[in-house]
Amino acid sequence: MKPQIKRILRILFIMASIGSLYFVPWILVKAWIMPLPDTVQEQLNEAITYGFDGMIVYVDEAGKPPEFYAAGYKNRAEKTPADPTSLFKIASISKLYVAVAITKLVHNKRLSLDETLAHYFPELVGKIAYADKITLRMMVQHRSGIPNYVDHPHFWDNPSKNNKEALAYALDMPPTFKPDTDYGYSNTNYLLLRRLIKKTVGYDDHQYIKEVILTPLGLKNTFGSLSEVNIDDVMSGYYVGYDDDFKTDNVGMLATAEDVGIFIRALNEGTVFDKGEQEIYSSIYEYDHTGLVPGYQSIAKYHNDIDTVVIQFMSTTNFDGYNWNLSEIFYSRIVKIVKKNRQ
């Protein structure tokens, strides 16, 4: 190759490399490489500067009293400081509670993991593809192929106001895949599971969750819907680019970080289960979870290596931006601080 051509190609390569830097998410790089603060509170204070309105963290390290942290606002408009005891919309973290409830009904022989959707909901035959092939186990494990109603092209233009409307969106969509041939996270699975709990016990599904999970664990700050709480106790939630406060949207369970933390520890230690139940649960679902709805994103995990539960709530979302990635970065850094301070 002639020297002149080599020189031109080298210049083009350098220019392409420089140009590619434009697409690097520098805000994530910055959050990741910043020196690790000495305390969890310092990390929260730093995280708020990345565009989050409010943040709550709960740390339950075995052998120590639980620690509560907060930064930013509980209510941005009123400039109310974030309160670590505020109620928060935990979104899909609630799936852990539903999976435990299903486990208990299966253990008591009131449900069967191998029975079909068609058996439990014959009215859905012809409305949900493969209803006679989809089992309860597949629904719990997100292997049913039932489409996720939030993926409907018009869902976010006109979000559902209740479970009936949400299910209607799913019924309007083709299956994601044939049952048990793949994994596909679907909120529709758990909408149907909650409906099944109610149908089986004969009363509200959250009341059953309260009876078999919340009350035995002494959890008095976990609720099934917004109608059960004082709205002033709920942390405000925001979406980037909008002034609206999303806390008045009734979108599922609410809880304090402490209540979620106590549940996560009980789930991982097995104390939420009666004899024989944990083996069933371990075969169908997971032991930690995240949650995301407009205005609210959360992470709830137990870290076995340090016997510590860390719960993180953040009250600002942006589905098209980096808010979720940032929340994961900050969560990871908080866990690192907890580990570092153990040494």
Protein backbone atom coordinates (compact mmCIF):
# COMPACT_ATOMS: atom_id res chain seq x y z
CA MET A 1 0.00 0.00 0.00
CA LYS A 2 1.38 3.40 -0.97
CA PRO A 3 2.46 5.68 1.92
CA GLN A 4 0.00 8.37 0.82
CA ILE A 5 -2.97 5.96 0.98
CA LYS A 6 -1.81 4.71 4.40
CA ARG A 7 -1.66 8.31 5.64
CA ILE A 8 -5.19 9.05 4.40
CA LEU A 9 -6.60 5.89 6.01
CA ARG A 10 -4.85 6.73 9.27
CA ILE A 11 -6.38 10.21 9.26
CA LEU A 12 -9.84 8.80 8.50
CA PHE A 13 -9.50 6.28 11.35
CA ILE A 14 -8.51 9.00 13.81
CA MET A 15 -11.41 11.21 12.68
CA ALA A 16 -13.86 8.30 13.03
CA SER A 17 -12.55 7.53 16.52
CA ILE A 18 -12.92 11.15 17.59
CA GLY A 19 -16.41 11.28 16.10
CA SER A 20 -17.47 8.16 17.97
CA LEU A 21 -16.77 9.92 21.26
CA TYR A 22 -19.86 12.02 20.58
CA PHE A 23 -22.02 8.96 21.25
CA VAL A 24 -20.37 8.00 24.56
CA PRO A 25 -22.82 8.51 27.48
CA TRP A 26 -20.41 10.69 29.44
CA ILE A 27 -22.87 11.21 32.28
CA LEU A 28 -22.68 7.46 33.01
CA VAL A 29 -18.91 7.43 32.69
CA LYS A 30 -18.65 10.32 35.13
CA ALA A 31 -20.97 8.66 37.66
CA TRP A 32 -18.95 5.43 37.42
CA ILE A 33 -15.43 6.82 37.70
CA MET A 34 -15.93 9.50 40.36
CA PRO A 35 -14.00 8.77 43.57
CA LEU A 36 -16.07 6.68 45.94
CA PRO A 37 -17.34 8.76 48.89
CA ASP A 38 -16.69 7.65 52.45
CA THR A 39 -20.34 7.42 53.46
CA VAL A 40 -23.64 6.35 51.97
CA GLN A 41 -25.13 9.76 52.70
CA GLU A 42 -22.40 11.47 50.69
CA GLN A 43 -23.19 9.17 47.78
CA LEU A 44 -26.88 10.12 47.94
CA ASN A 45 -25.99 13.80 48.00
CA GLU A 46 -23.83 13.29 44.91
CA ALA A 47 -26.49 11.23 43.10
CA ILE A 48 -29.08 13.98 43.47
CA THR A 49 -26.88 16.30 41.39
CA TYR A 50 -27.45 14.02 38.37
CA GLY A 51 -31.03 15.19 37.94
CA PHE A 52 -32.90 13.15 40.53
CA ASP A 53 -35.51 14.95 42.63
CA GLY A 54 -35.49 12.61 45.60
CA MET A 55 -33.79 9.47 46.85
CA ILE A 56 -34.21 7.03 49.73
CA VAL A 57 -31.86 4.23 50.79
CA TYR A 58 -32.32 1.62 53.49
CA VAL A 59 -29.41 -0.56 54.63
CA ASP A 60 -29.95 -3.58 56.88
CA GLU A 61 -26.59 -5.08 57.76
CA ALA A 62 -26.87 -8.20 59.92
CA GLY A 63 -25.92 -7.55 63.53
CA LYS A 64 -26.43 -3.80 63.26
CA PRO A 65 -29.46 -1.51 63.57
CA PRO A 66 -30.88 -0.64 60.13
CA GLU A 67 -29.74 2.64 58.61
CA PHE A 68 -31.96 5.14 56.79
CA TYR A 69 -30.79 7.71 54.27
CA ALA A 70 -32.51 10.38 52.16
CA ALA A 71 -31.57 13.24 49.86
CA GLY A 72 -33.38 15.73 47.68
CA TYR A 73 -37.11 16.36 47.93
CA LYS A 74 -40.15 14.43 49.03
CA ASN A 75 -42.16 17.05 47.17
CA ARG A 76 -40.35 19.25 44.66
CA ALA A 77 -43.02 21.95 44.41
CA GLU A 78 -43.21 22.42 48.17
CA LYS A 79 -39.46 21.93 48.68
CA THR A 80 -40.23 19.31 51.32
CA PRO A 81 -37.05 17.36 52.21
CA ALA A 82 -36.99 13.66 51.33
CA ASP A 83 -38.14 11.49 54.22
CA PRO A 84 -36.78 7.91 54.48
CA THR A 85 -40.10 6.78 56.02
CA SER A 86 -42.20 7.94 53.06
CA LEU A 87 -44.38 5.52 51.14
CA PHE A 88 -43.11 4.75 47.63
CA LYS A 89 -44.63 3.01 44.61
CA ILE A 90 -42.63 -0.20 44.43
CA ALA A 91 -43.94 -1.27 40.99
CA SER A 92 -42.61 -4.69 39.92
CA ILE A 93 -41.02 -5.45 43.28
CA SER A 94 -44.60 -6.45 44.10
CA LYS A 95 -44.13 -9.52 41.87
CA LEU A 96 -42.08 -11.08 44.67
CA TYR A 97 -45.08 -10.85 47.01
CA VAL A 98 -47.39 -12.30 44.36
CA ALA A 99 -44.99 -15.20 43.69
CA VAL A 100 -44.85 -15.98 47.44
CA ALA A 101 -48.65 -15.89 47.62
CA ILE A 102 -48.93 -18.28 44.66
CA THR A 103 -46.37 -20.56 46.33
CA LYS A 104 -48.46 -20.77 49.48
CA LEU A 105 -51.61 -21.59 47.52
CA VAL A 106 -49.74 -24.28 45.59
CA HIS A 107 -48.33 -25.77 48.79
CA ASN A 108 -51.84 -25.88 50.25
CA LYS A 109 -53.06 -27.72 47.12
CA ARG A 110 -55.41 -24.89 46.19
CA LEU A 111 -53.52 -24.28 42.95
CA SER A 112 -51.34 -26.42 40.69
CA LEU A 113 -48.28 -25.14 38.87
CA ASP A 114 -48.96 -27.59 36.05
CA GLU A 115 -52.59 -26.61 35.49
CA THR A 116 -53.36 -24.44 32.47
CA LEU A 117 -54.57 -20.93 31.94
CA ALA A 118 -57.57 -22.39 30.10
CA HIS A 119 -58.48 -24.35 33.23
CA TYR A 120 -58.33 -21.36 35.55
CA PHE A 121 -59.75 -18.82 33.09
CA PRO A 122 -61.87 -20.62 30.48
CA GLU A 123 -63.26 -17.26 29.37
CA LEU A 124 -59.80 -16.40 27.98
CA VAL A 125 -59.69 -19.34 25.59
CA GLY A 126 -59.62 -17.88 22.09
CA LYS A 127 -58.54 -14.52 23.49
CA ILE A 128 -55.06 -15.52 24.67
CA ALA A 129 -53.17 -17.78 22.26
CA TYR A 130 -52.18 -21.23 23.57
CA ALA A 131 -54.34 -20.82 26.68
CA ASP A 132 -54.60 -24.60 26.86
CA LYS A 133 -50.79 -24.95 26.78
CA ILE A 134 -49.77 -22.14 29.13
CA THR A 135 -49.32 -23.39 32.70
CA LEU A 136 -49.34 -21.50 35.97
CA ARG A 137 -45.62 -22.27 36.30
CA MET A 138 -44.90 -20.62 32.93
CA MET A 139 -46.80 -17.50 33.97
CA VAL A 140 -44.87 -17.13 37.23
CA GLN A 141 -41.58 -17.65 35.37
CA HIS A 142 -42.43 -15.30 32.46
CA ARG A 143 -42.25 -18.20 30.01
CA SER A 144 -45.88 -18.06 28.89
CA GLY A 145 -45.44 -15.92 25.78
CA ILE A 146 -48.40 -13.78 26.87
CA PRO A 147 -47.63 -10.27 25.54
CA ASN A 148 -46.74 -7.49 27.95
CA TYR A 149 -49.59 -4.98 27.88
CA VAL A 150 -47.21 -2.04 28.32
CA ASP A 151 -45.63 -2.98 24.96
CA HIS A 152 -48.85 -2.22 23.10
CA PRO A 153 -48.08 0.64 20.65
CA HIS A 154 -50.85 2.80 22.12
CA PHE A 155 -50.46 1.97 25.81
CA TRP A 156 -48.46 5.04 26.79
CA ASP A 157 -50.73 7.29 24.73
CA ASN A 158 -53.64 6.20 26.89
CA PRO A 159 -52.41 4.21 29.93
CA SER A 160 -54.90 1.79 31.46
CA LYS A 161 -56.90 2.98 34.46
CA ASN A 162 -57.56 -0.51 35.79
CA ASN A 163 -56.60 -4.16 35.29
CA LYS A 164 -59.48 -4.78 32.89
CA GLU A 165 -58.21 -2.08 30.52
CA ALA A 166 -54.61 -3.32 30.89
CA LEU A 167 -55.63 -6.87 29.98
CA ALA A 168 -57.53 -5.55 26.96
CA TYR A 169 -54.27 -4.17 25.58
CA ALA A 170 -52.63 -7.60 25.89
CA LEU A 171 -55.59 -9.35 24.23
CA ASP A 172 -55.09 -7.08 21.24
CA MET A 173 -51.54 -8.36 20.68
CA PRO A 174 -50.12 -11.59 19.21
CA PRO A 175 -48.17 -13.97 21.48
CA THR A 176 -44.52 -13.11 22.02
CA PHE A 177 -43.51 -16.76 21.53
CA LYS A 178 -44.91 -20.26 21.94
CA PRO A 179 -45.29 -21.32 25.59
CA ASP A 180 -42.12 -22.42 27.38
CA THR A 181 -39.85 -21.84 24.37
CA ASP A 182 -38.33 -18.58 25.62
CA TYR A 183 -38.30 -15.99 28.41
CA GLY A 184 -40.27 -12.79 28.02
CA TYR A 185 -40.91 -10.48 30.98
CA SER A 186 -44.61 -9.64 30.97
CA ASN A 187 -46.67 -7.65 33.44
CA THR A 188 -49.73 -9.38 32.01
CA ASN A 189 -48.60 -12.64 33.63
CA TYR A 190 -48.77 -11.09 37.07
CA LEU A 191 -51.99 -9.22 36.38
CA LEU A 192 -53.54 -12.64 35.71
CA LEU A 193 -51.83 -14.20 38.74
CA ARG A 194 -53.32 -11.57 41.02
CA ARG A 195 -56.70 -12.18 39.46
CA LEU A 196 -56.20 -15.91 40.07
CA ILE A 197 -55.36 -15.36 43.74
CA LYS A 198 -58.57 -13.37 44.15
CA LYS A 199 -60.59 -16.02 42.34
CA THR A 200 -59.09 -18.81 44.45
CA VAL A 201 -59.44 -17.28 47.91
CA GLY A 202 -62.70 -15.46 47.18
CA TYR A 203 -61.59 -11.99 48.22
CA ASP A 204 -59.07 -9.27 47.38
CA ASP A 205 -55.61 -10.56 46.42
CA HIS A 206 -53.82 -7.93 48.52
CA GLN A 207 -55.86 -8.94 51.56
CA TYR A 208 -54.54 -12.47 51.09
CA ILE A 209 -50.98 -11.12 50.74
CA LYS A 210 -51.54 -9.18 53.94
CA GLU A 211 -52.77 -12.29 55.77
CA VAL A 212 -49.99 -14.66 54.71
CA ILE A 213 -47.02 -12.29 54.31
CA LEU A 214 -47.41 -8.80 55.74
CA THR A 215 -49.10 -9.51 59.07
CA PRO A 216 -46.84 -12.47 60.01
CA LEU A 217 -43.79 -10.26 59.31
CA GLY A 218 -45.26 -7.29 61.20
CA LEU A 219 -45.28 -5.09 58.10
CA LYS A 220 -47.74 -2.25 58.69
CA ASN A 221 -46.50 0.11 55.99
CA THR A 222 -47.16 -1.94 52.85
CA PHE A 223 -50.39 -1.28 50.94
CA GLY A 224 -52.18 -2.61 47.90
CA SER A 225 -53.24 0.68 46.37
CA LEU A 226 -53.29 4.43 46.77
CA SER A 227 -56.84 4.30 48.12
CA GLU A 228 -55.54 2.73 51.35
CA VAL A 229 -53.09 5.48 52.30
CA ASN A 230 -52.85 9.14 53.20
CA ILE A 231 -51.58 10.80 50.01
CA ASP A 232 -49.40 13.13 52.11
CA ASP A 233 -47.37 10.10 53.20
CA VAL A 234 -46.45 9.26 49.60
CA MET A 235 -43.21 10.49 48.05
CA SER A 236 -43.81 12.55 44.92
CA GLY A 237 -42.66 11.10 41.61
CA TYR A 238 -41.56 12.94 38.48
CA TYR A 239 -40.77 12.28 34.84
CA VAL A 240 -38.03 14.30 33.14
CA GLY A 241 -39.50 17.13 31.08
CA TYR A 242 -42.86 17.16 32.88
CA ASP A 243 -44.00 19.26 35.83
CA ASP A 244 -46.69 16.76 36.84
CA ASP A 245 -46.47 14.93 40.15
CA PHE A 246 -47.24 11.26 39.43
CA LYS A 247 -48.01 10.32 43.01
CA THR A 248 -51.77 10.50 42.43
CA ASP A 249 -51.62 7.77 39.75
CA ASN A 250 -52.97 4.55 41.27
CA VAL A 251 -50.48 2.00 39.95
CA GLY A 252 -50.10 -0.81 42.45
CA MET A 253 -48.41 -1.49 45.76
CA LEU A 254 -46.81 1.10 48.00
CA ALA A 255 -44.42 0.55 50.88
CA THR A 256 -41.70 2.14 52.92
CA ALA A 257 -38.10 1.18 52.22
CA GLU A 258 -37.94 -0.45 55.65
CA ASP A 259 -40.97 -2.66 54.99
CA VAL A 260 -39.51 -3.77 51.65
CA GLY A 261 -36.17 -4.42 53.32
CA ILE A 262 -37.71 -6.57 56.05
CA PHE A 263 -39.60 -8.57 53.43
CA ILE A 264 -36.50 -9.07 51.26
CA ARG A 265 -34.53 -10.40 54.21
CA ALA A 266 -37.37 -12.72 55.24
CA LEU A 267 -37.65 -13.94 51.65
CA ASN A 268 -33.94 -14.69 51.36
CA GLU A 269 -33.63 -16.21 54.83
CA GLY A 270 -36.75 -18.28 54.24
CA THR A 271 -38.67 -17.01 57.27
CA VAL A 272 -41.57 -15.86 55.07
CA PHE A 273 -42.24 -19.51 54.20
CA ASP A 274 -43.85 -22.37 56.06
CA LYS A 275 -42.25 -25.81 55.90
CA GLY A 276 -42.07 -27.12 52.34
CA GLU A 277 -42.85 -23.80 50.65
CA GLN A 278 -39.37 -22.50 49.96
CA GLU A 279 -38.53 -25.50 47.76
CA ILE A 280 -41.53 -24.61 45.60
CA TYR A 281 -40.66 -20.93 45.46
CA SER A 282 -37.02 -21.54 44.56
CA SER A 283 -38.15 -23.57 41.56
CA ILE A 284 -40.30 -20.79 40.13
CA TYR A 285 -39.05 -17.30 40.97
CA GLU A 286 -36.23 -15.04 42.08
CA TYR A 287 -35.17 -13.47 45.37
CA ASP A 288 -34.62 -9.83 44.45
CA HIS A 289 -36.29 -7.41 42.08
CA THR A 290 -36.44 -3.94 40.59
CA GLY A 291 -39.39 -1.68 39.91
CA LEU A 292 -40.15 1.04 37.37
CA VAL A 293 -43.26 3.14 36.70
CA PRO A 294 -43.47 6.81 35.69
CA GLY A 295 -41.97 8.81 38.54
CA TYR A 296 -40.66 5.86 40.54
CA GLN A 297 -37.74 3.46 40.18
CA SER A 298 -36.51 1.05 42.81
CA ILE A 299 -33.99 -1.70 43.51
CA ALA A 300 -34.39 -4.30 46.27
CA LYS A 301 -31.64 -6.86 46.86
CA TYR A 302 -30.07 -9.05 49.51
CA HIS A 303 -26.27 -9.39 49.32
CA ASN A 304 -25.35 -12.78 50.70
CA ASP A 305 -21.59 -12.11 50.82
CA ILE A 306 -22.10 -9.35 53.40
CA ASP A 307 -25.47 -10.52 54.80
CA THR A 308 -26.95 -7.13 53.98
CA VAL A 309 -30.16 -5.86 52.41
CA VAL A 310 -29.97 -2.63 50.43
CA ILE A 311 -33.14 -0.91 49.18
CA GLN A 312 -32.94 2.11 46.89
CA PHE A 313 -35.83 4.38 45.84
CA MET A 314 -35.42 7.21 43.30
CA SER A 315 -38.29 9.53 42.42
CA THR A 316 -37.36 10.69 38.92
CA THR A 317 -37.65 8.61 35.75
CA ASN A 318 -36.93 9.00 32.05
CA PHE A 319 -37.60 5.93 29.93
CA ASP A 320 -35.70 7.46 27.02
CA GLY A 321 -32.73 8.67 29.05
CA TYR A 322 -30.07 7.36 31.39
CA ASN A 323 -31.92 7.62 34.69
CA TRP A 324 -32.25 3.86 35.13
CA ASN A 325 -28.60 3.24 34.25
CA LEU A 326 -27.59 5.94 36.71
CA SER A 327 -29.70 4.40 39.46
CA GLU A 328 -27.95 1.06 38.94
CA ILE A 329 -24.54 2.73 39.06
CA PHE A 330 -25.36 4.57 42.27
CA TYR A 331 -26.80 1.42 43.81
CA SER A 332 -23.59 -0.46 43.00
CA ARG A 333 -21.51 2.33 44.54
CA ILE A 334 -23.61 2.33 47.71
CA VAL A 335 -23.06 -1.41 48.10
CA LYS A 336 -19.31 -0.86 47.61
CA ILE A 337 -19.33 1.78 50.36
CA VAL A 338 -21.12 -0.59 52.72
CA LYS A 339 -18.57 -3.30 51.98
CA LYS A 340 -15.64 -0.91 52.35
CA ASN A 341 -16.86 0.34 55.72
CA ARG A 342 -17.07 -3.24 57.02
CA GLN A 343 -13.31 -3.65 56.74
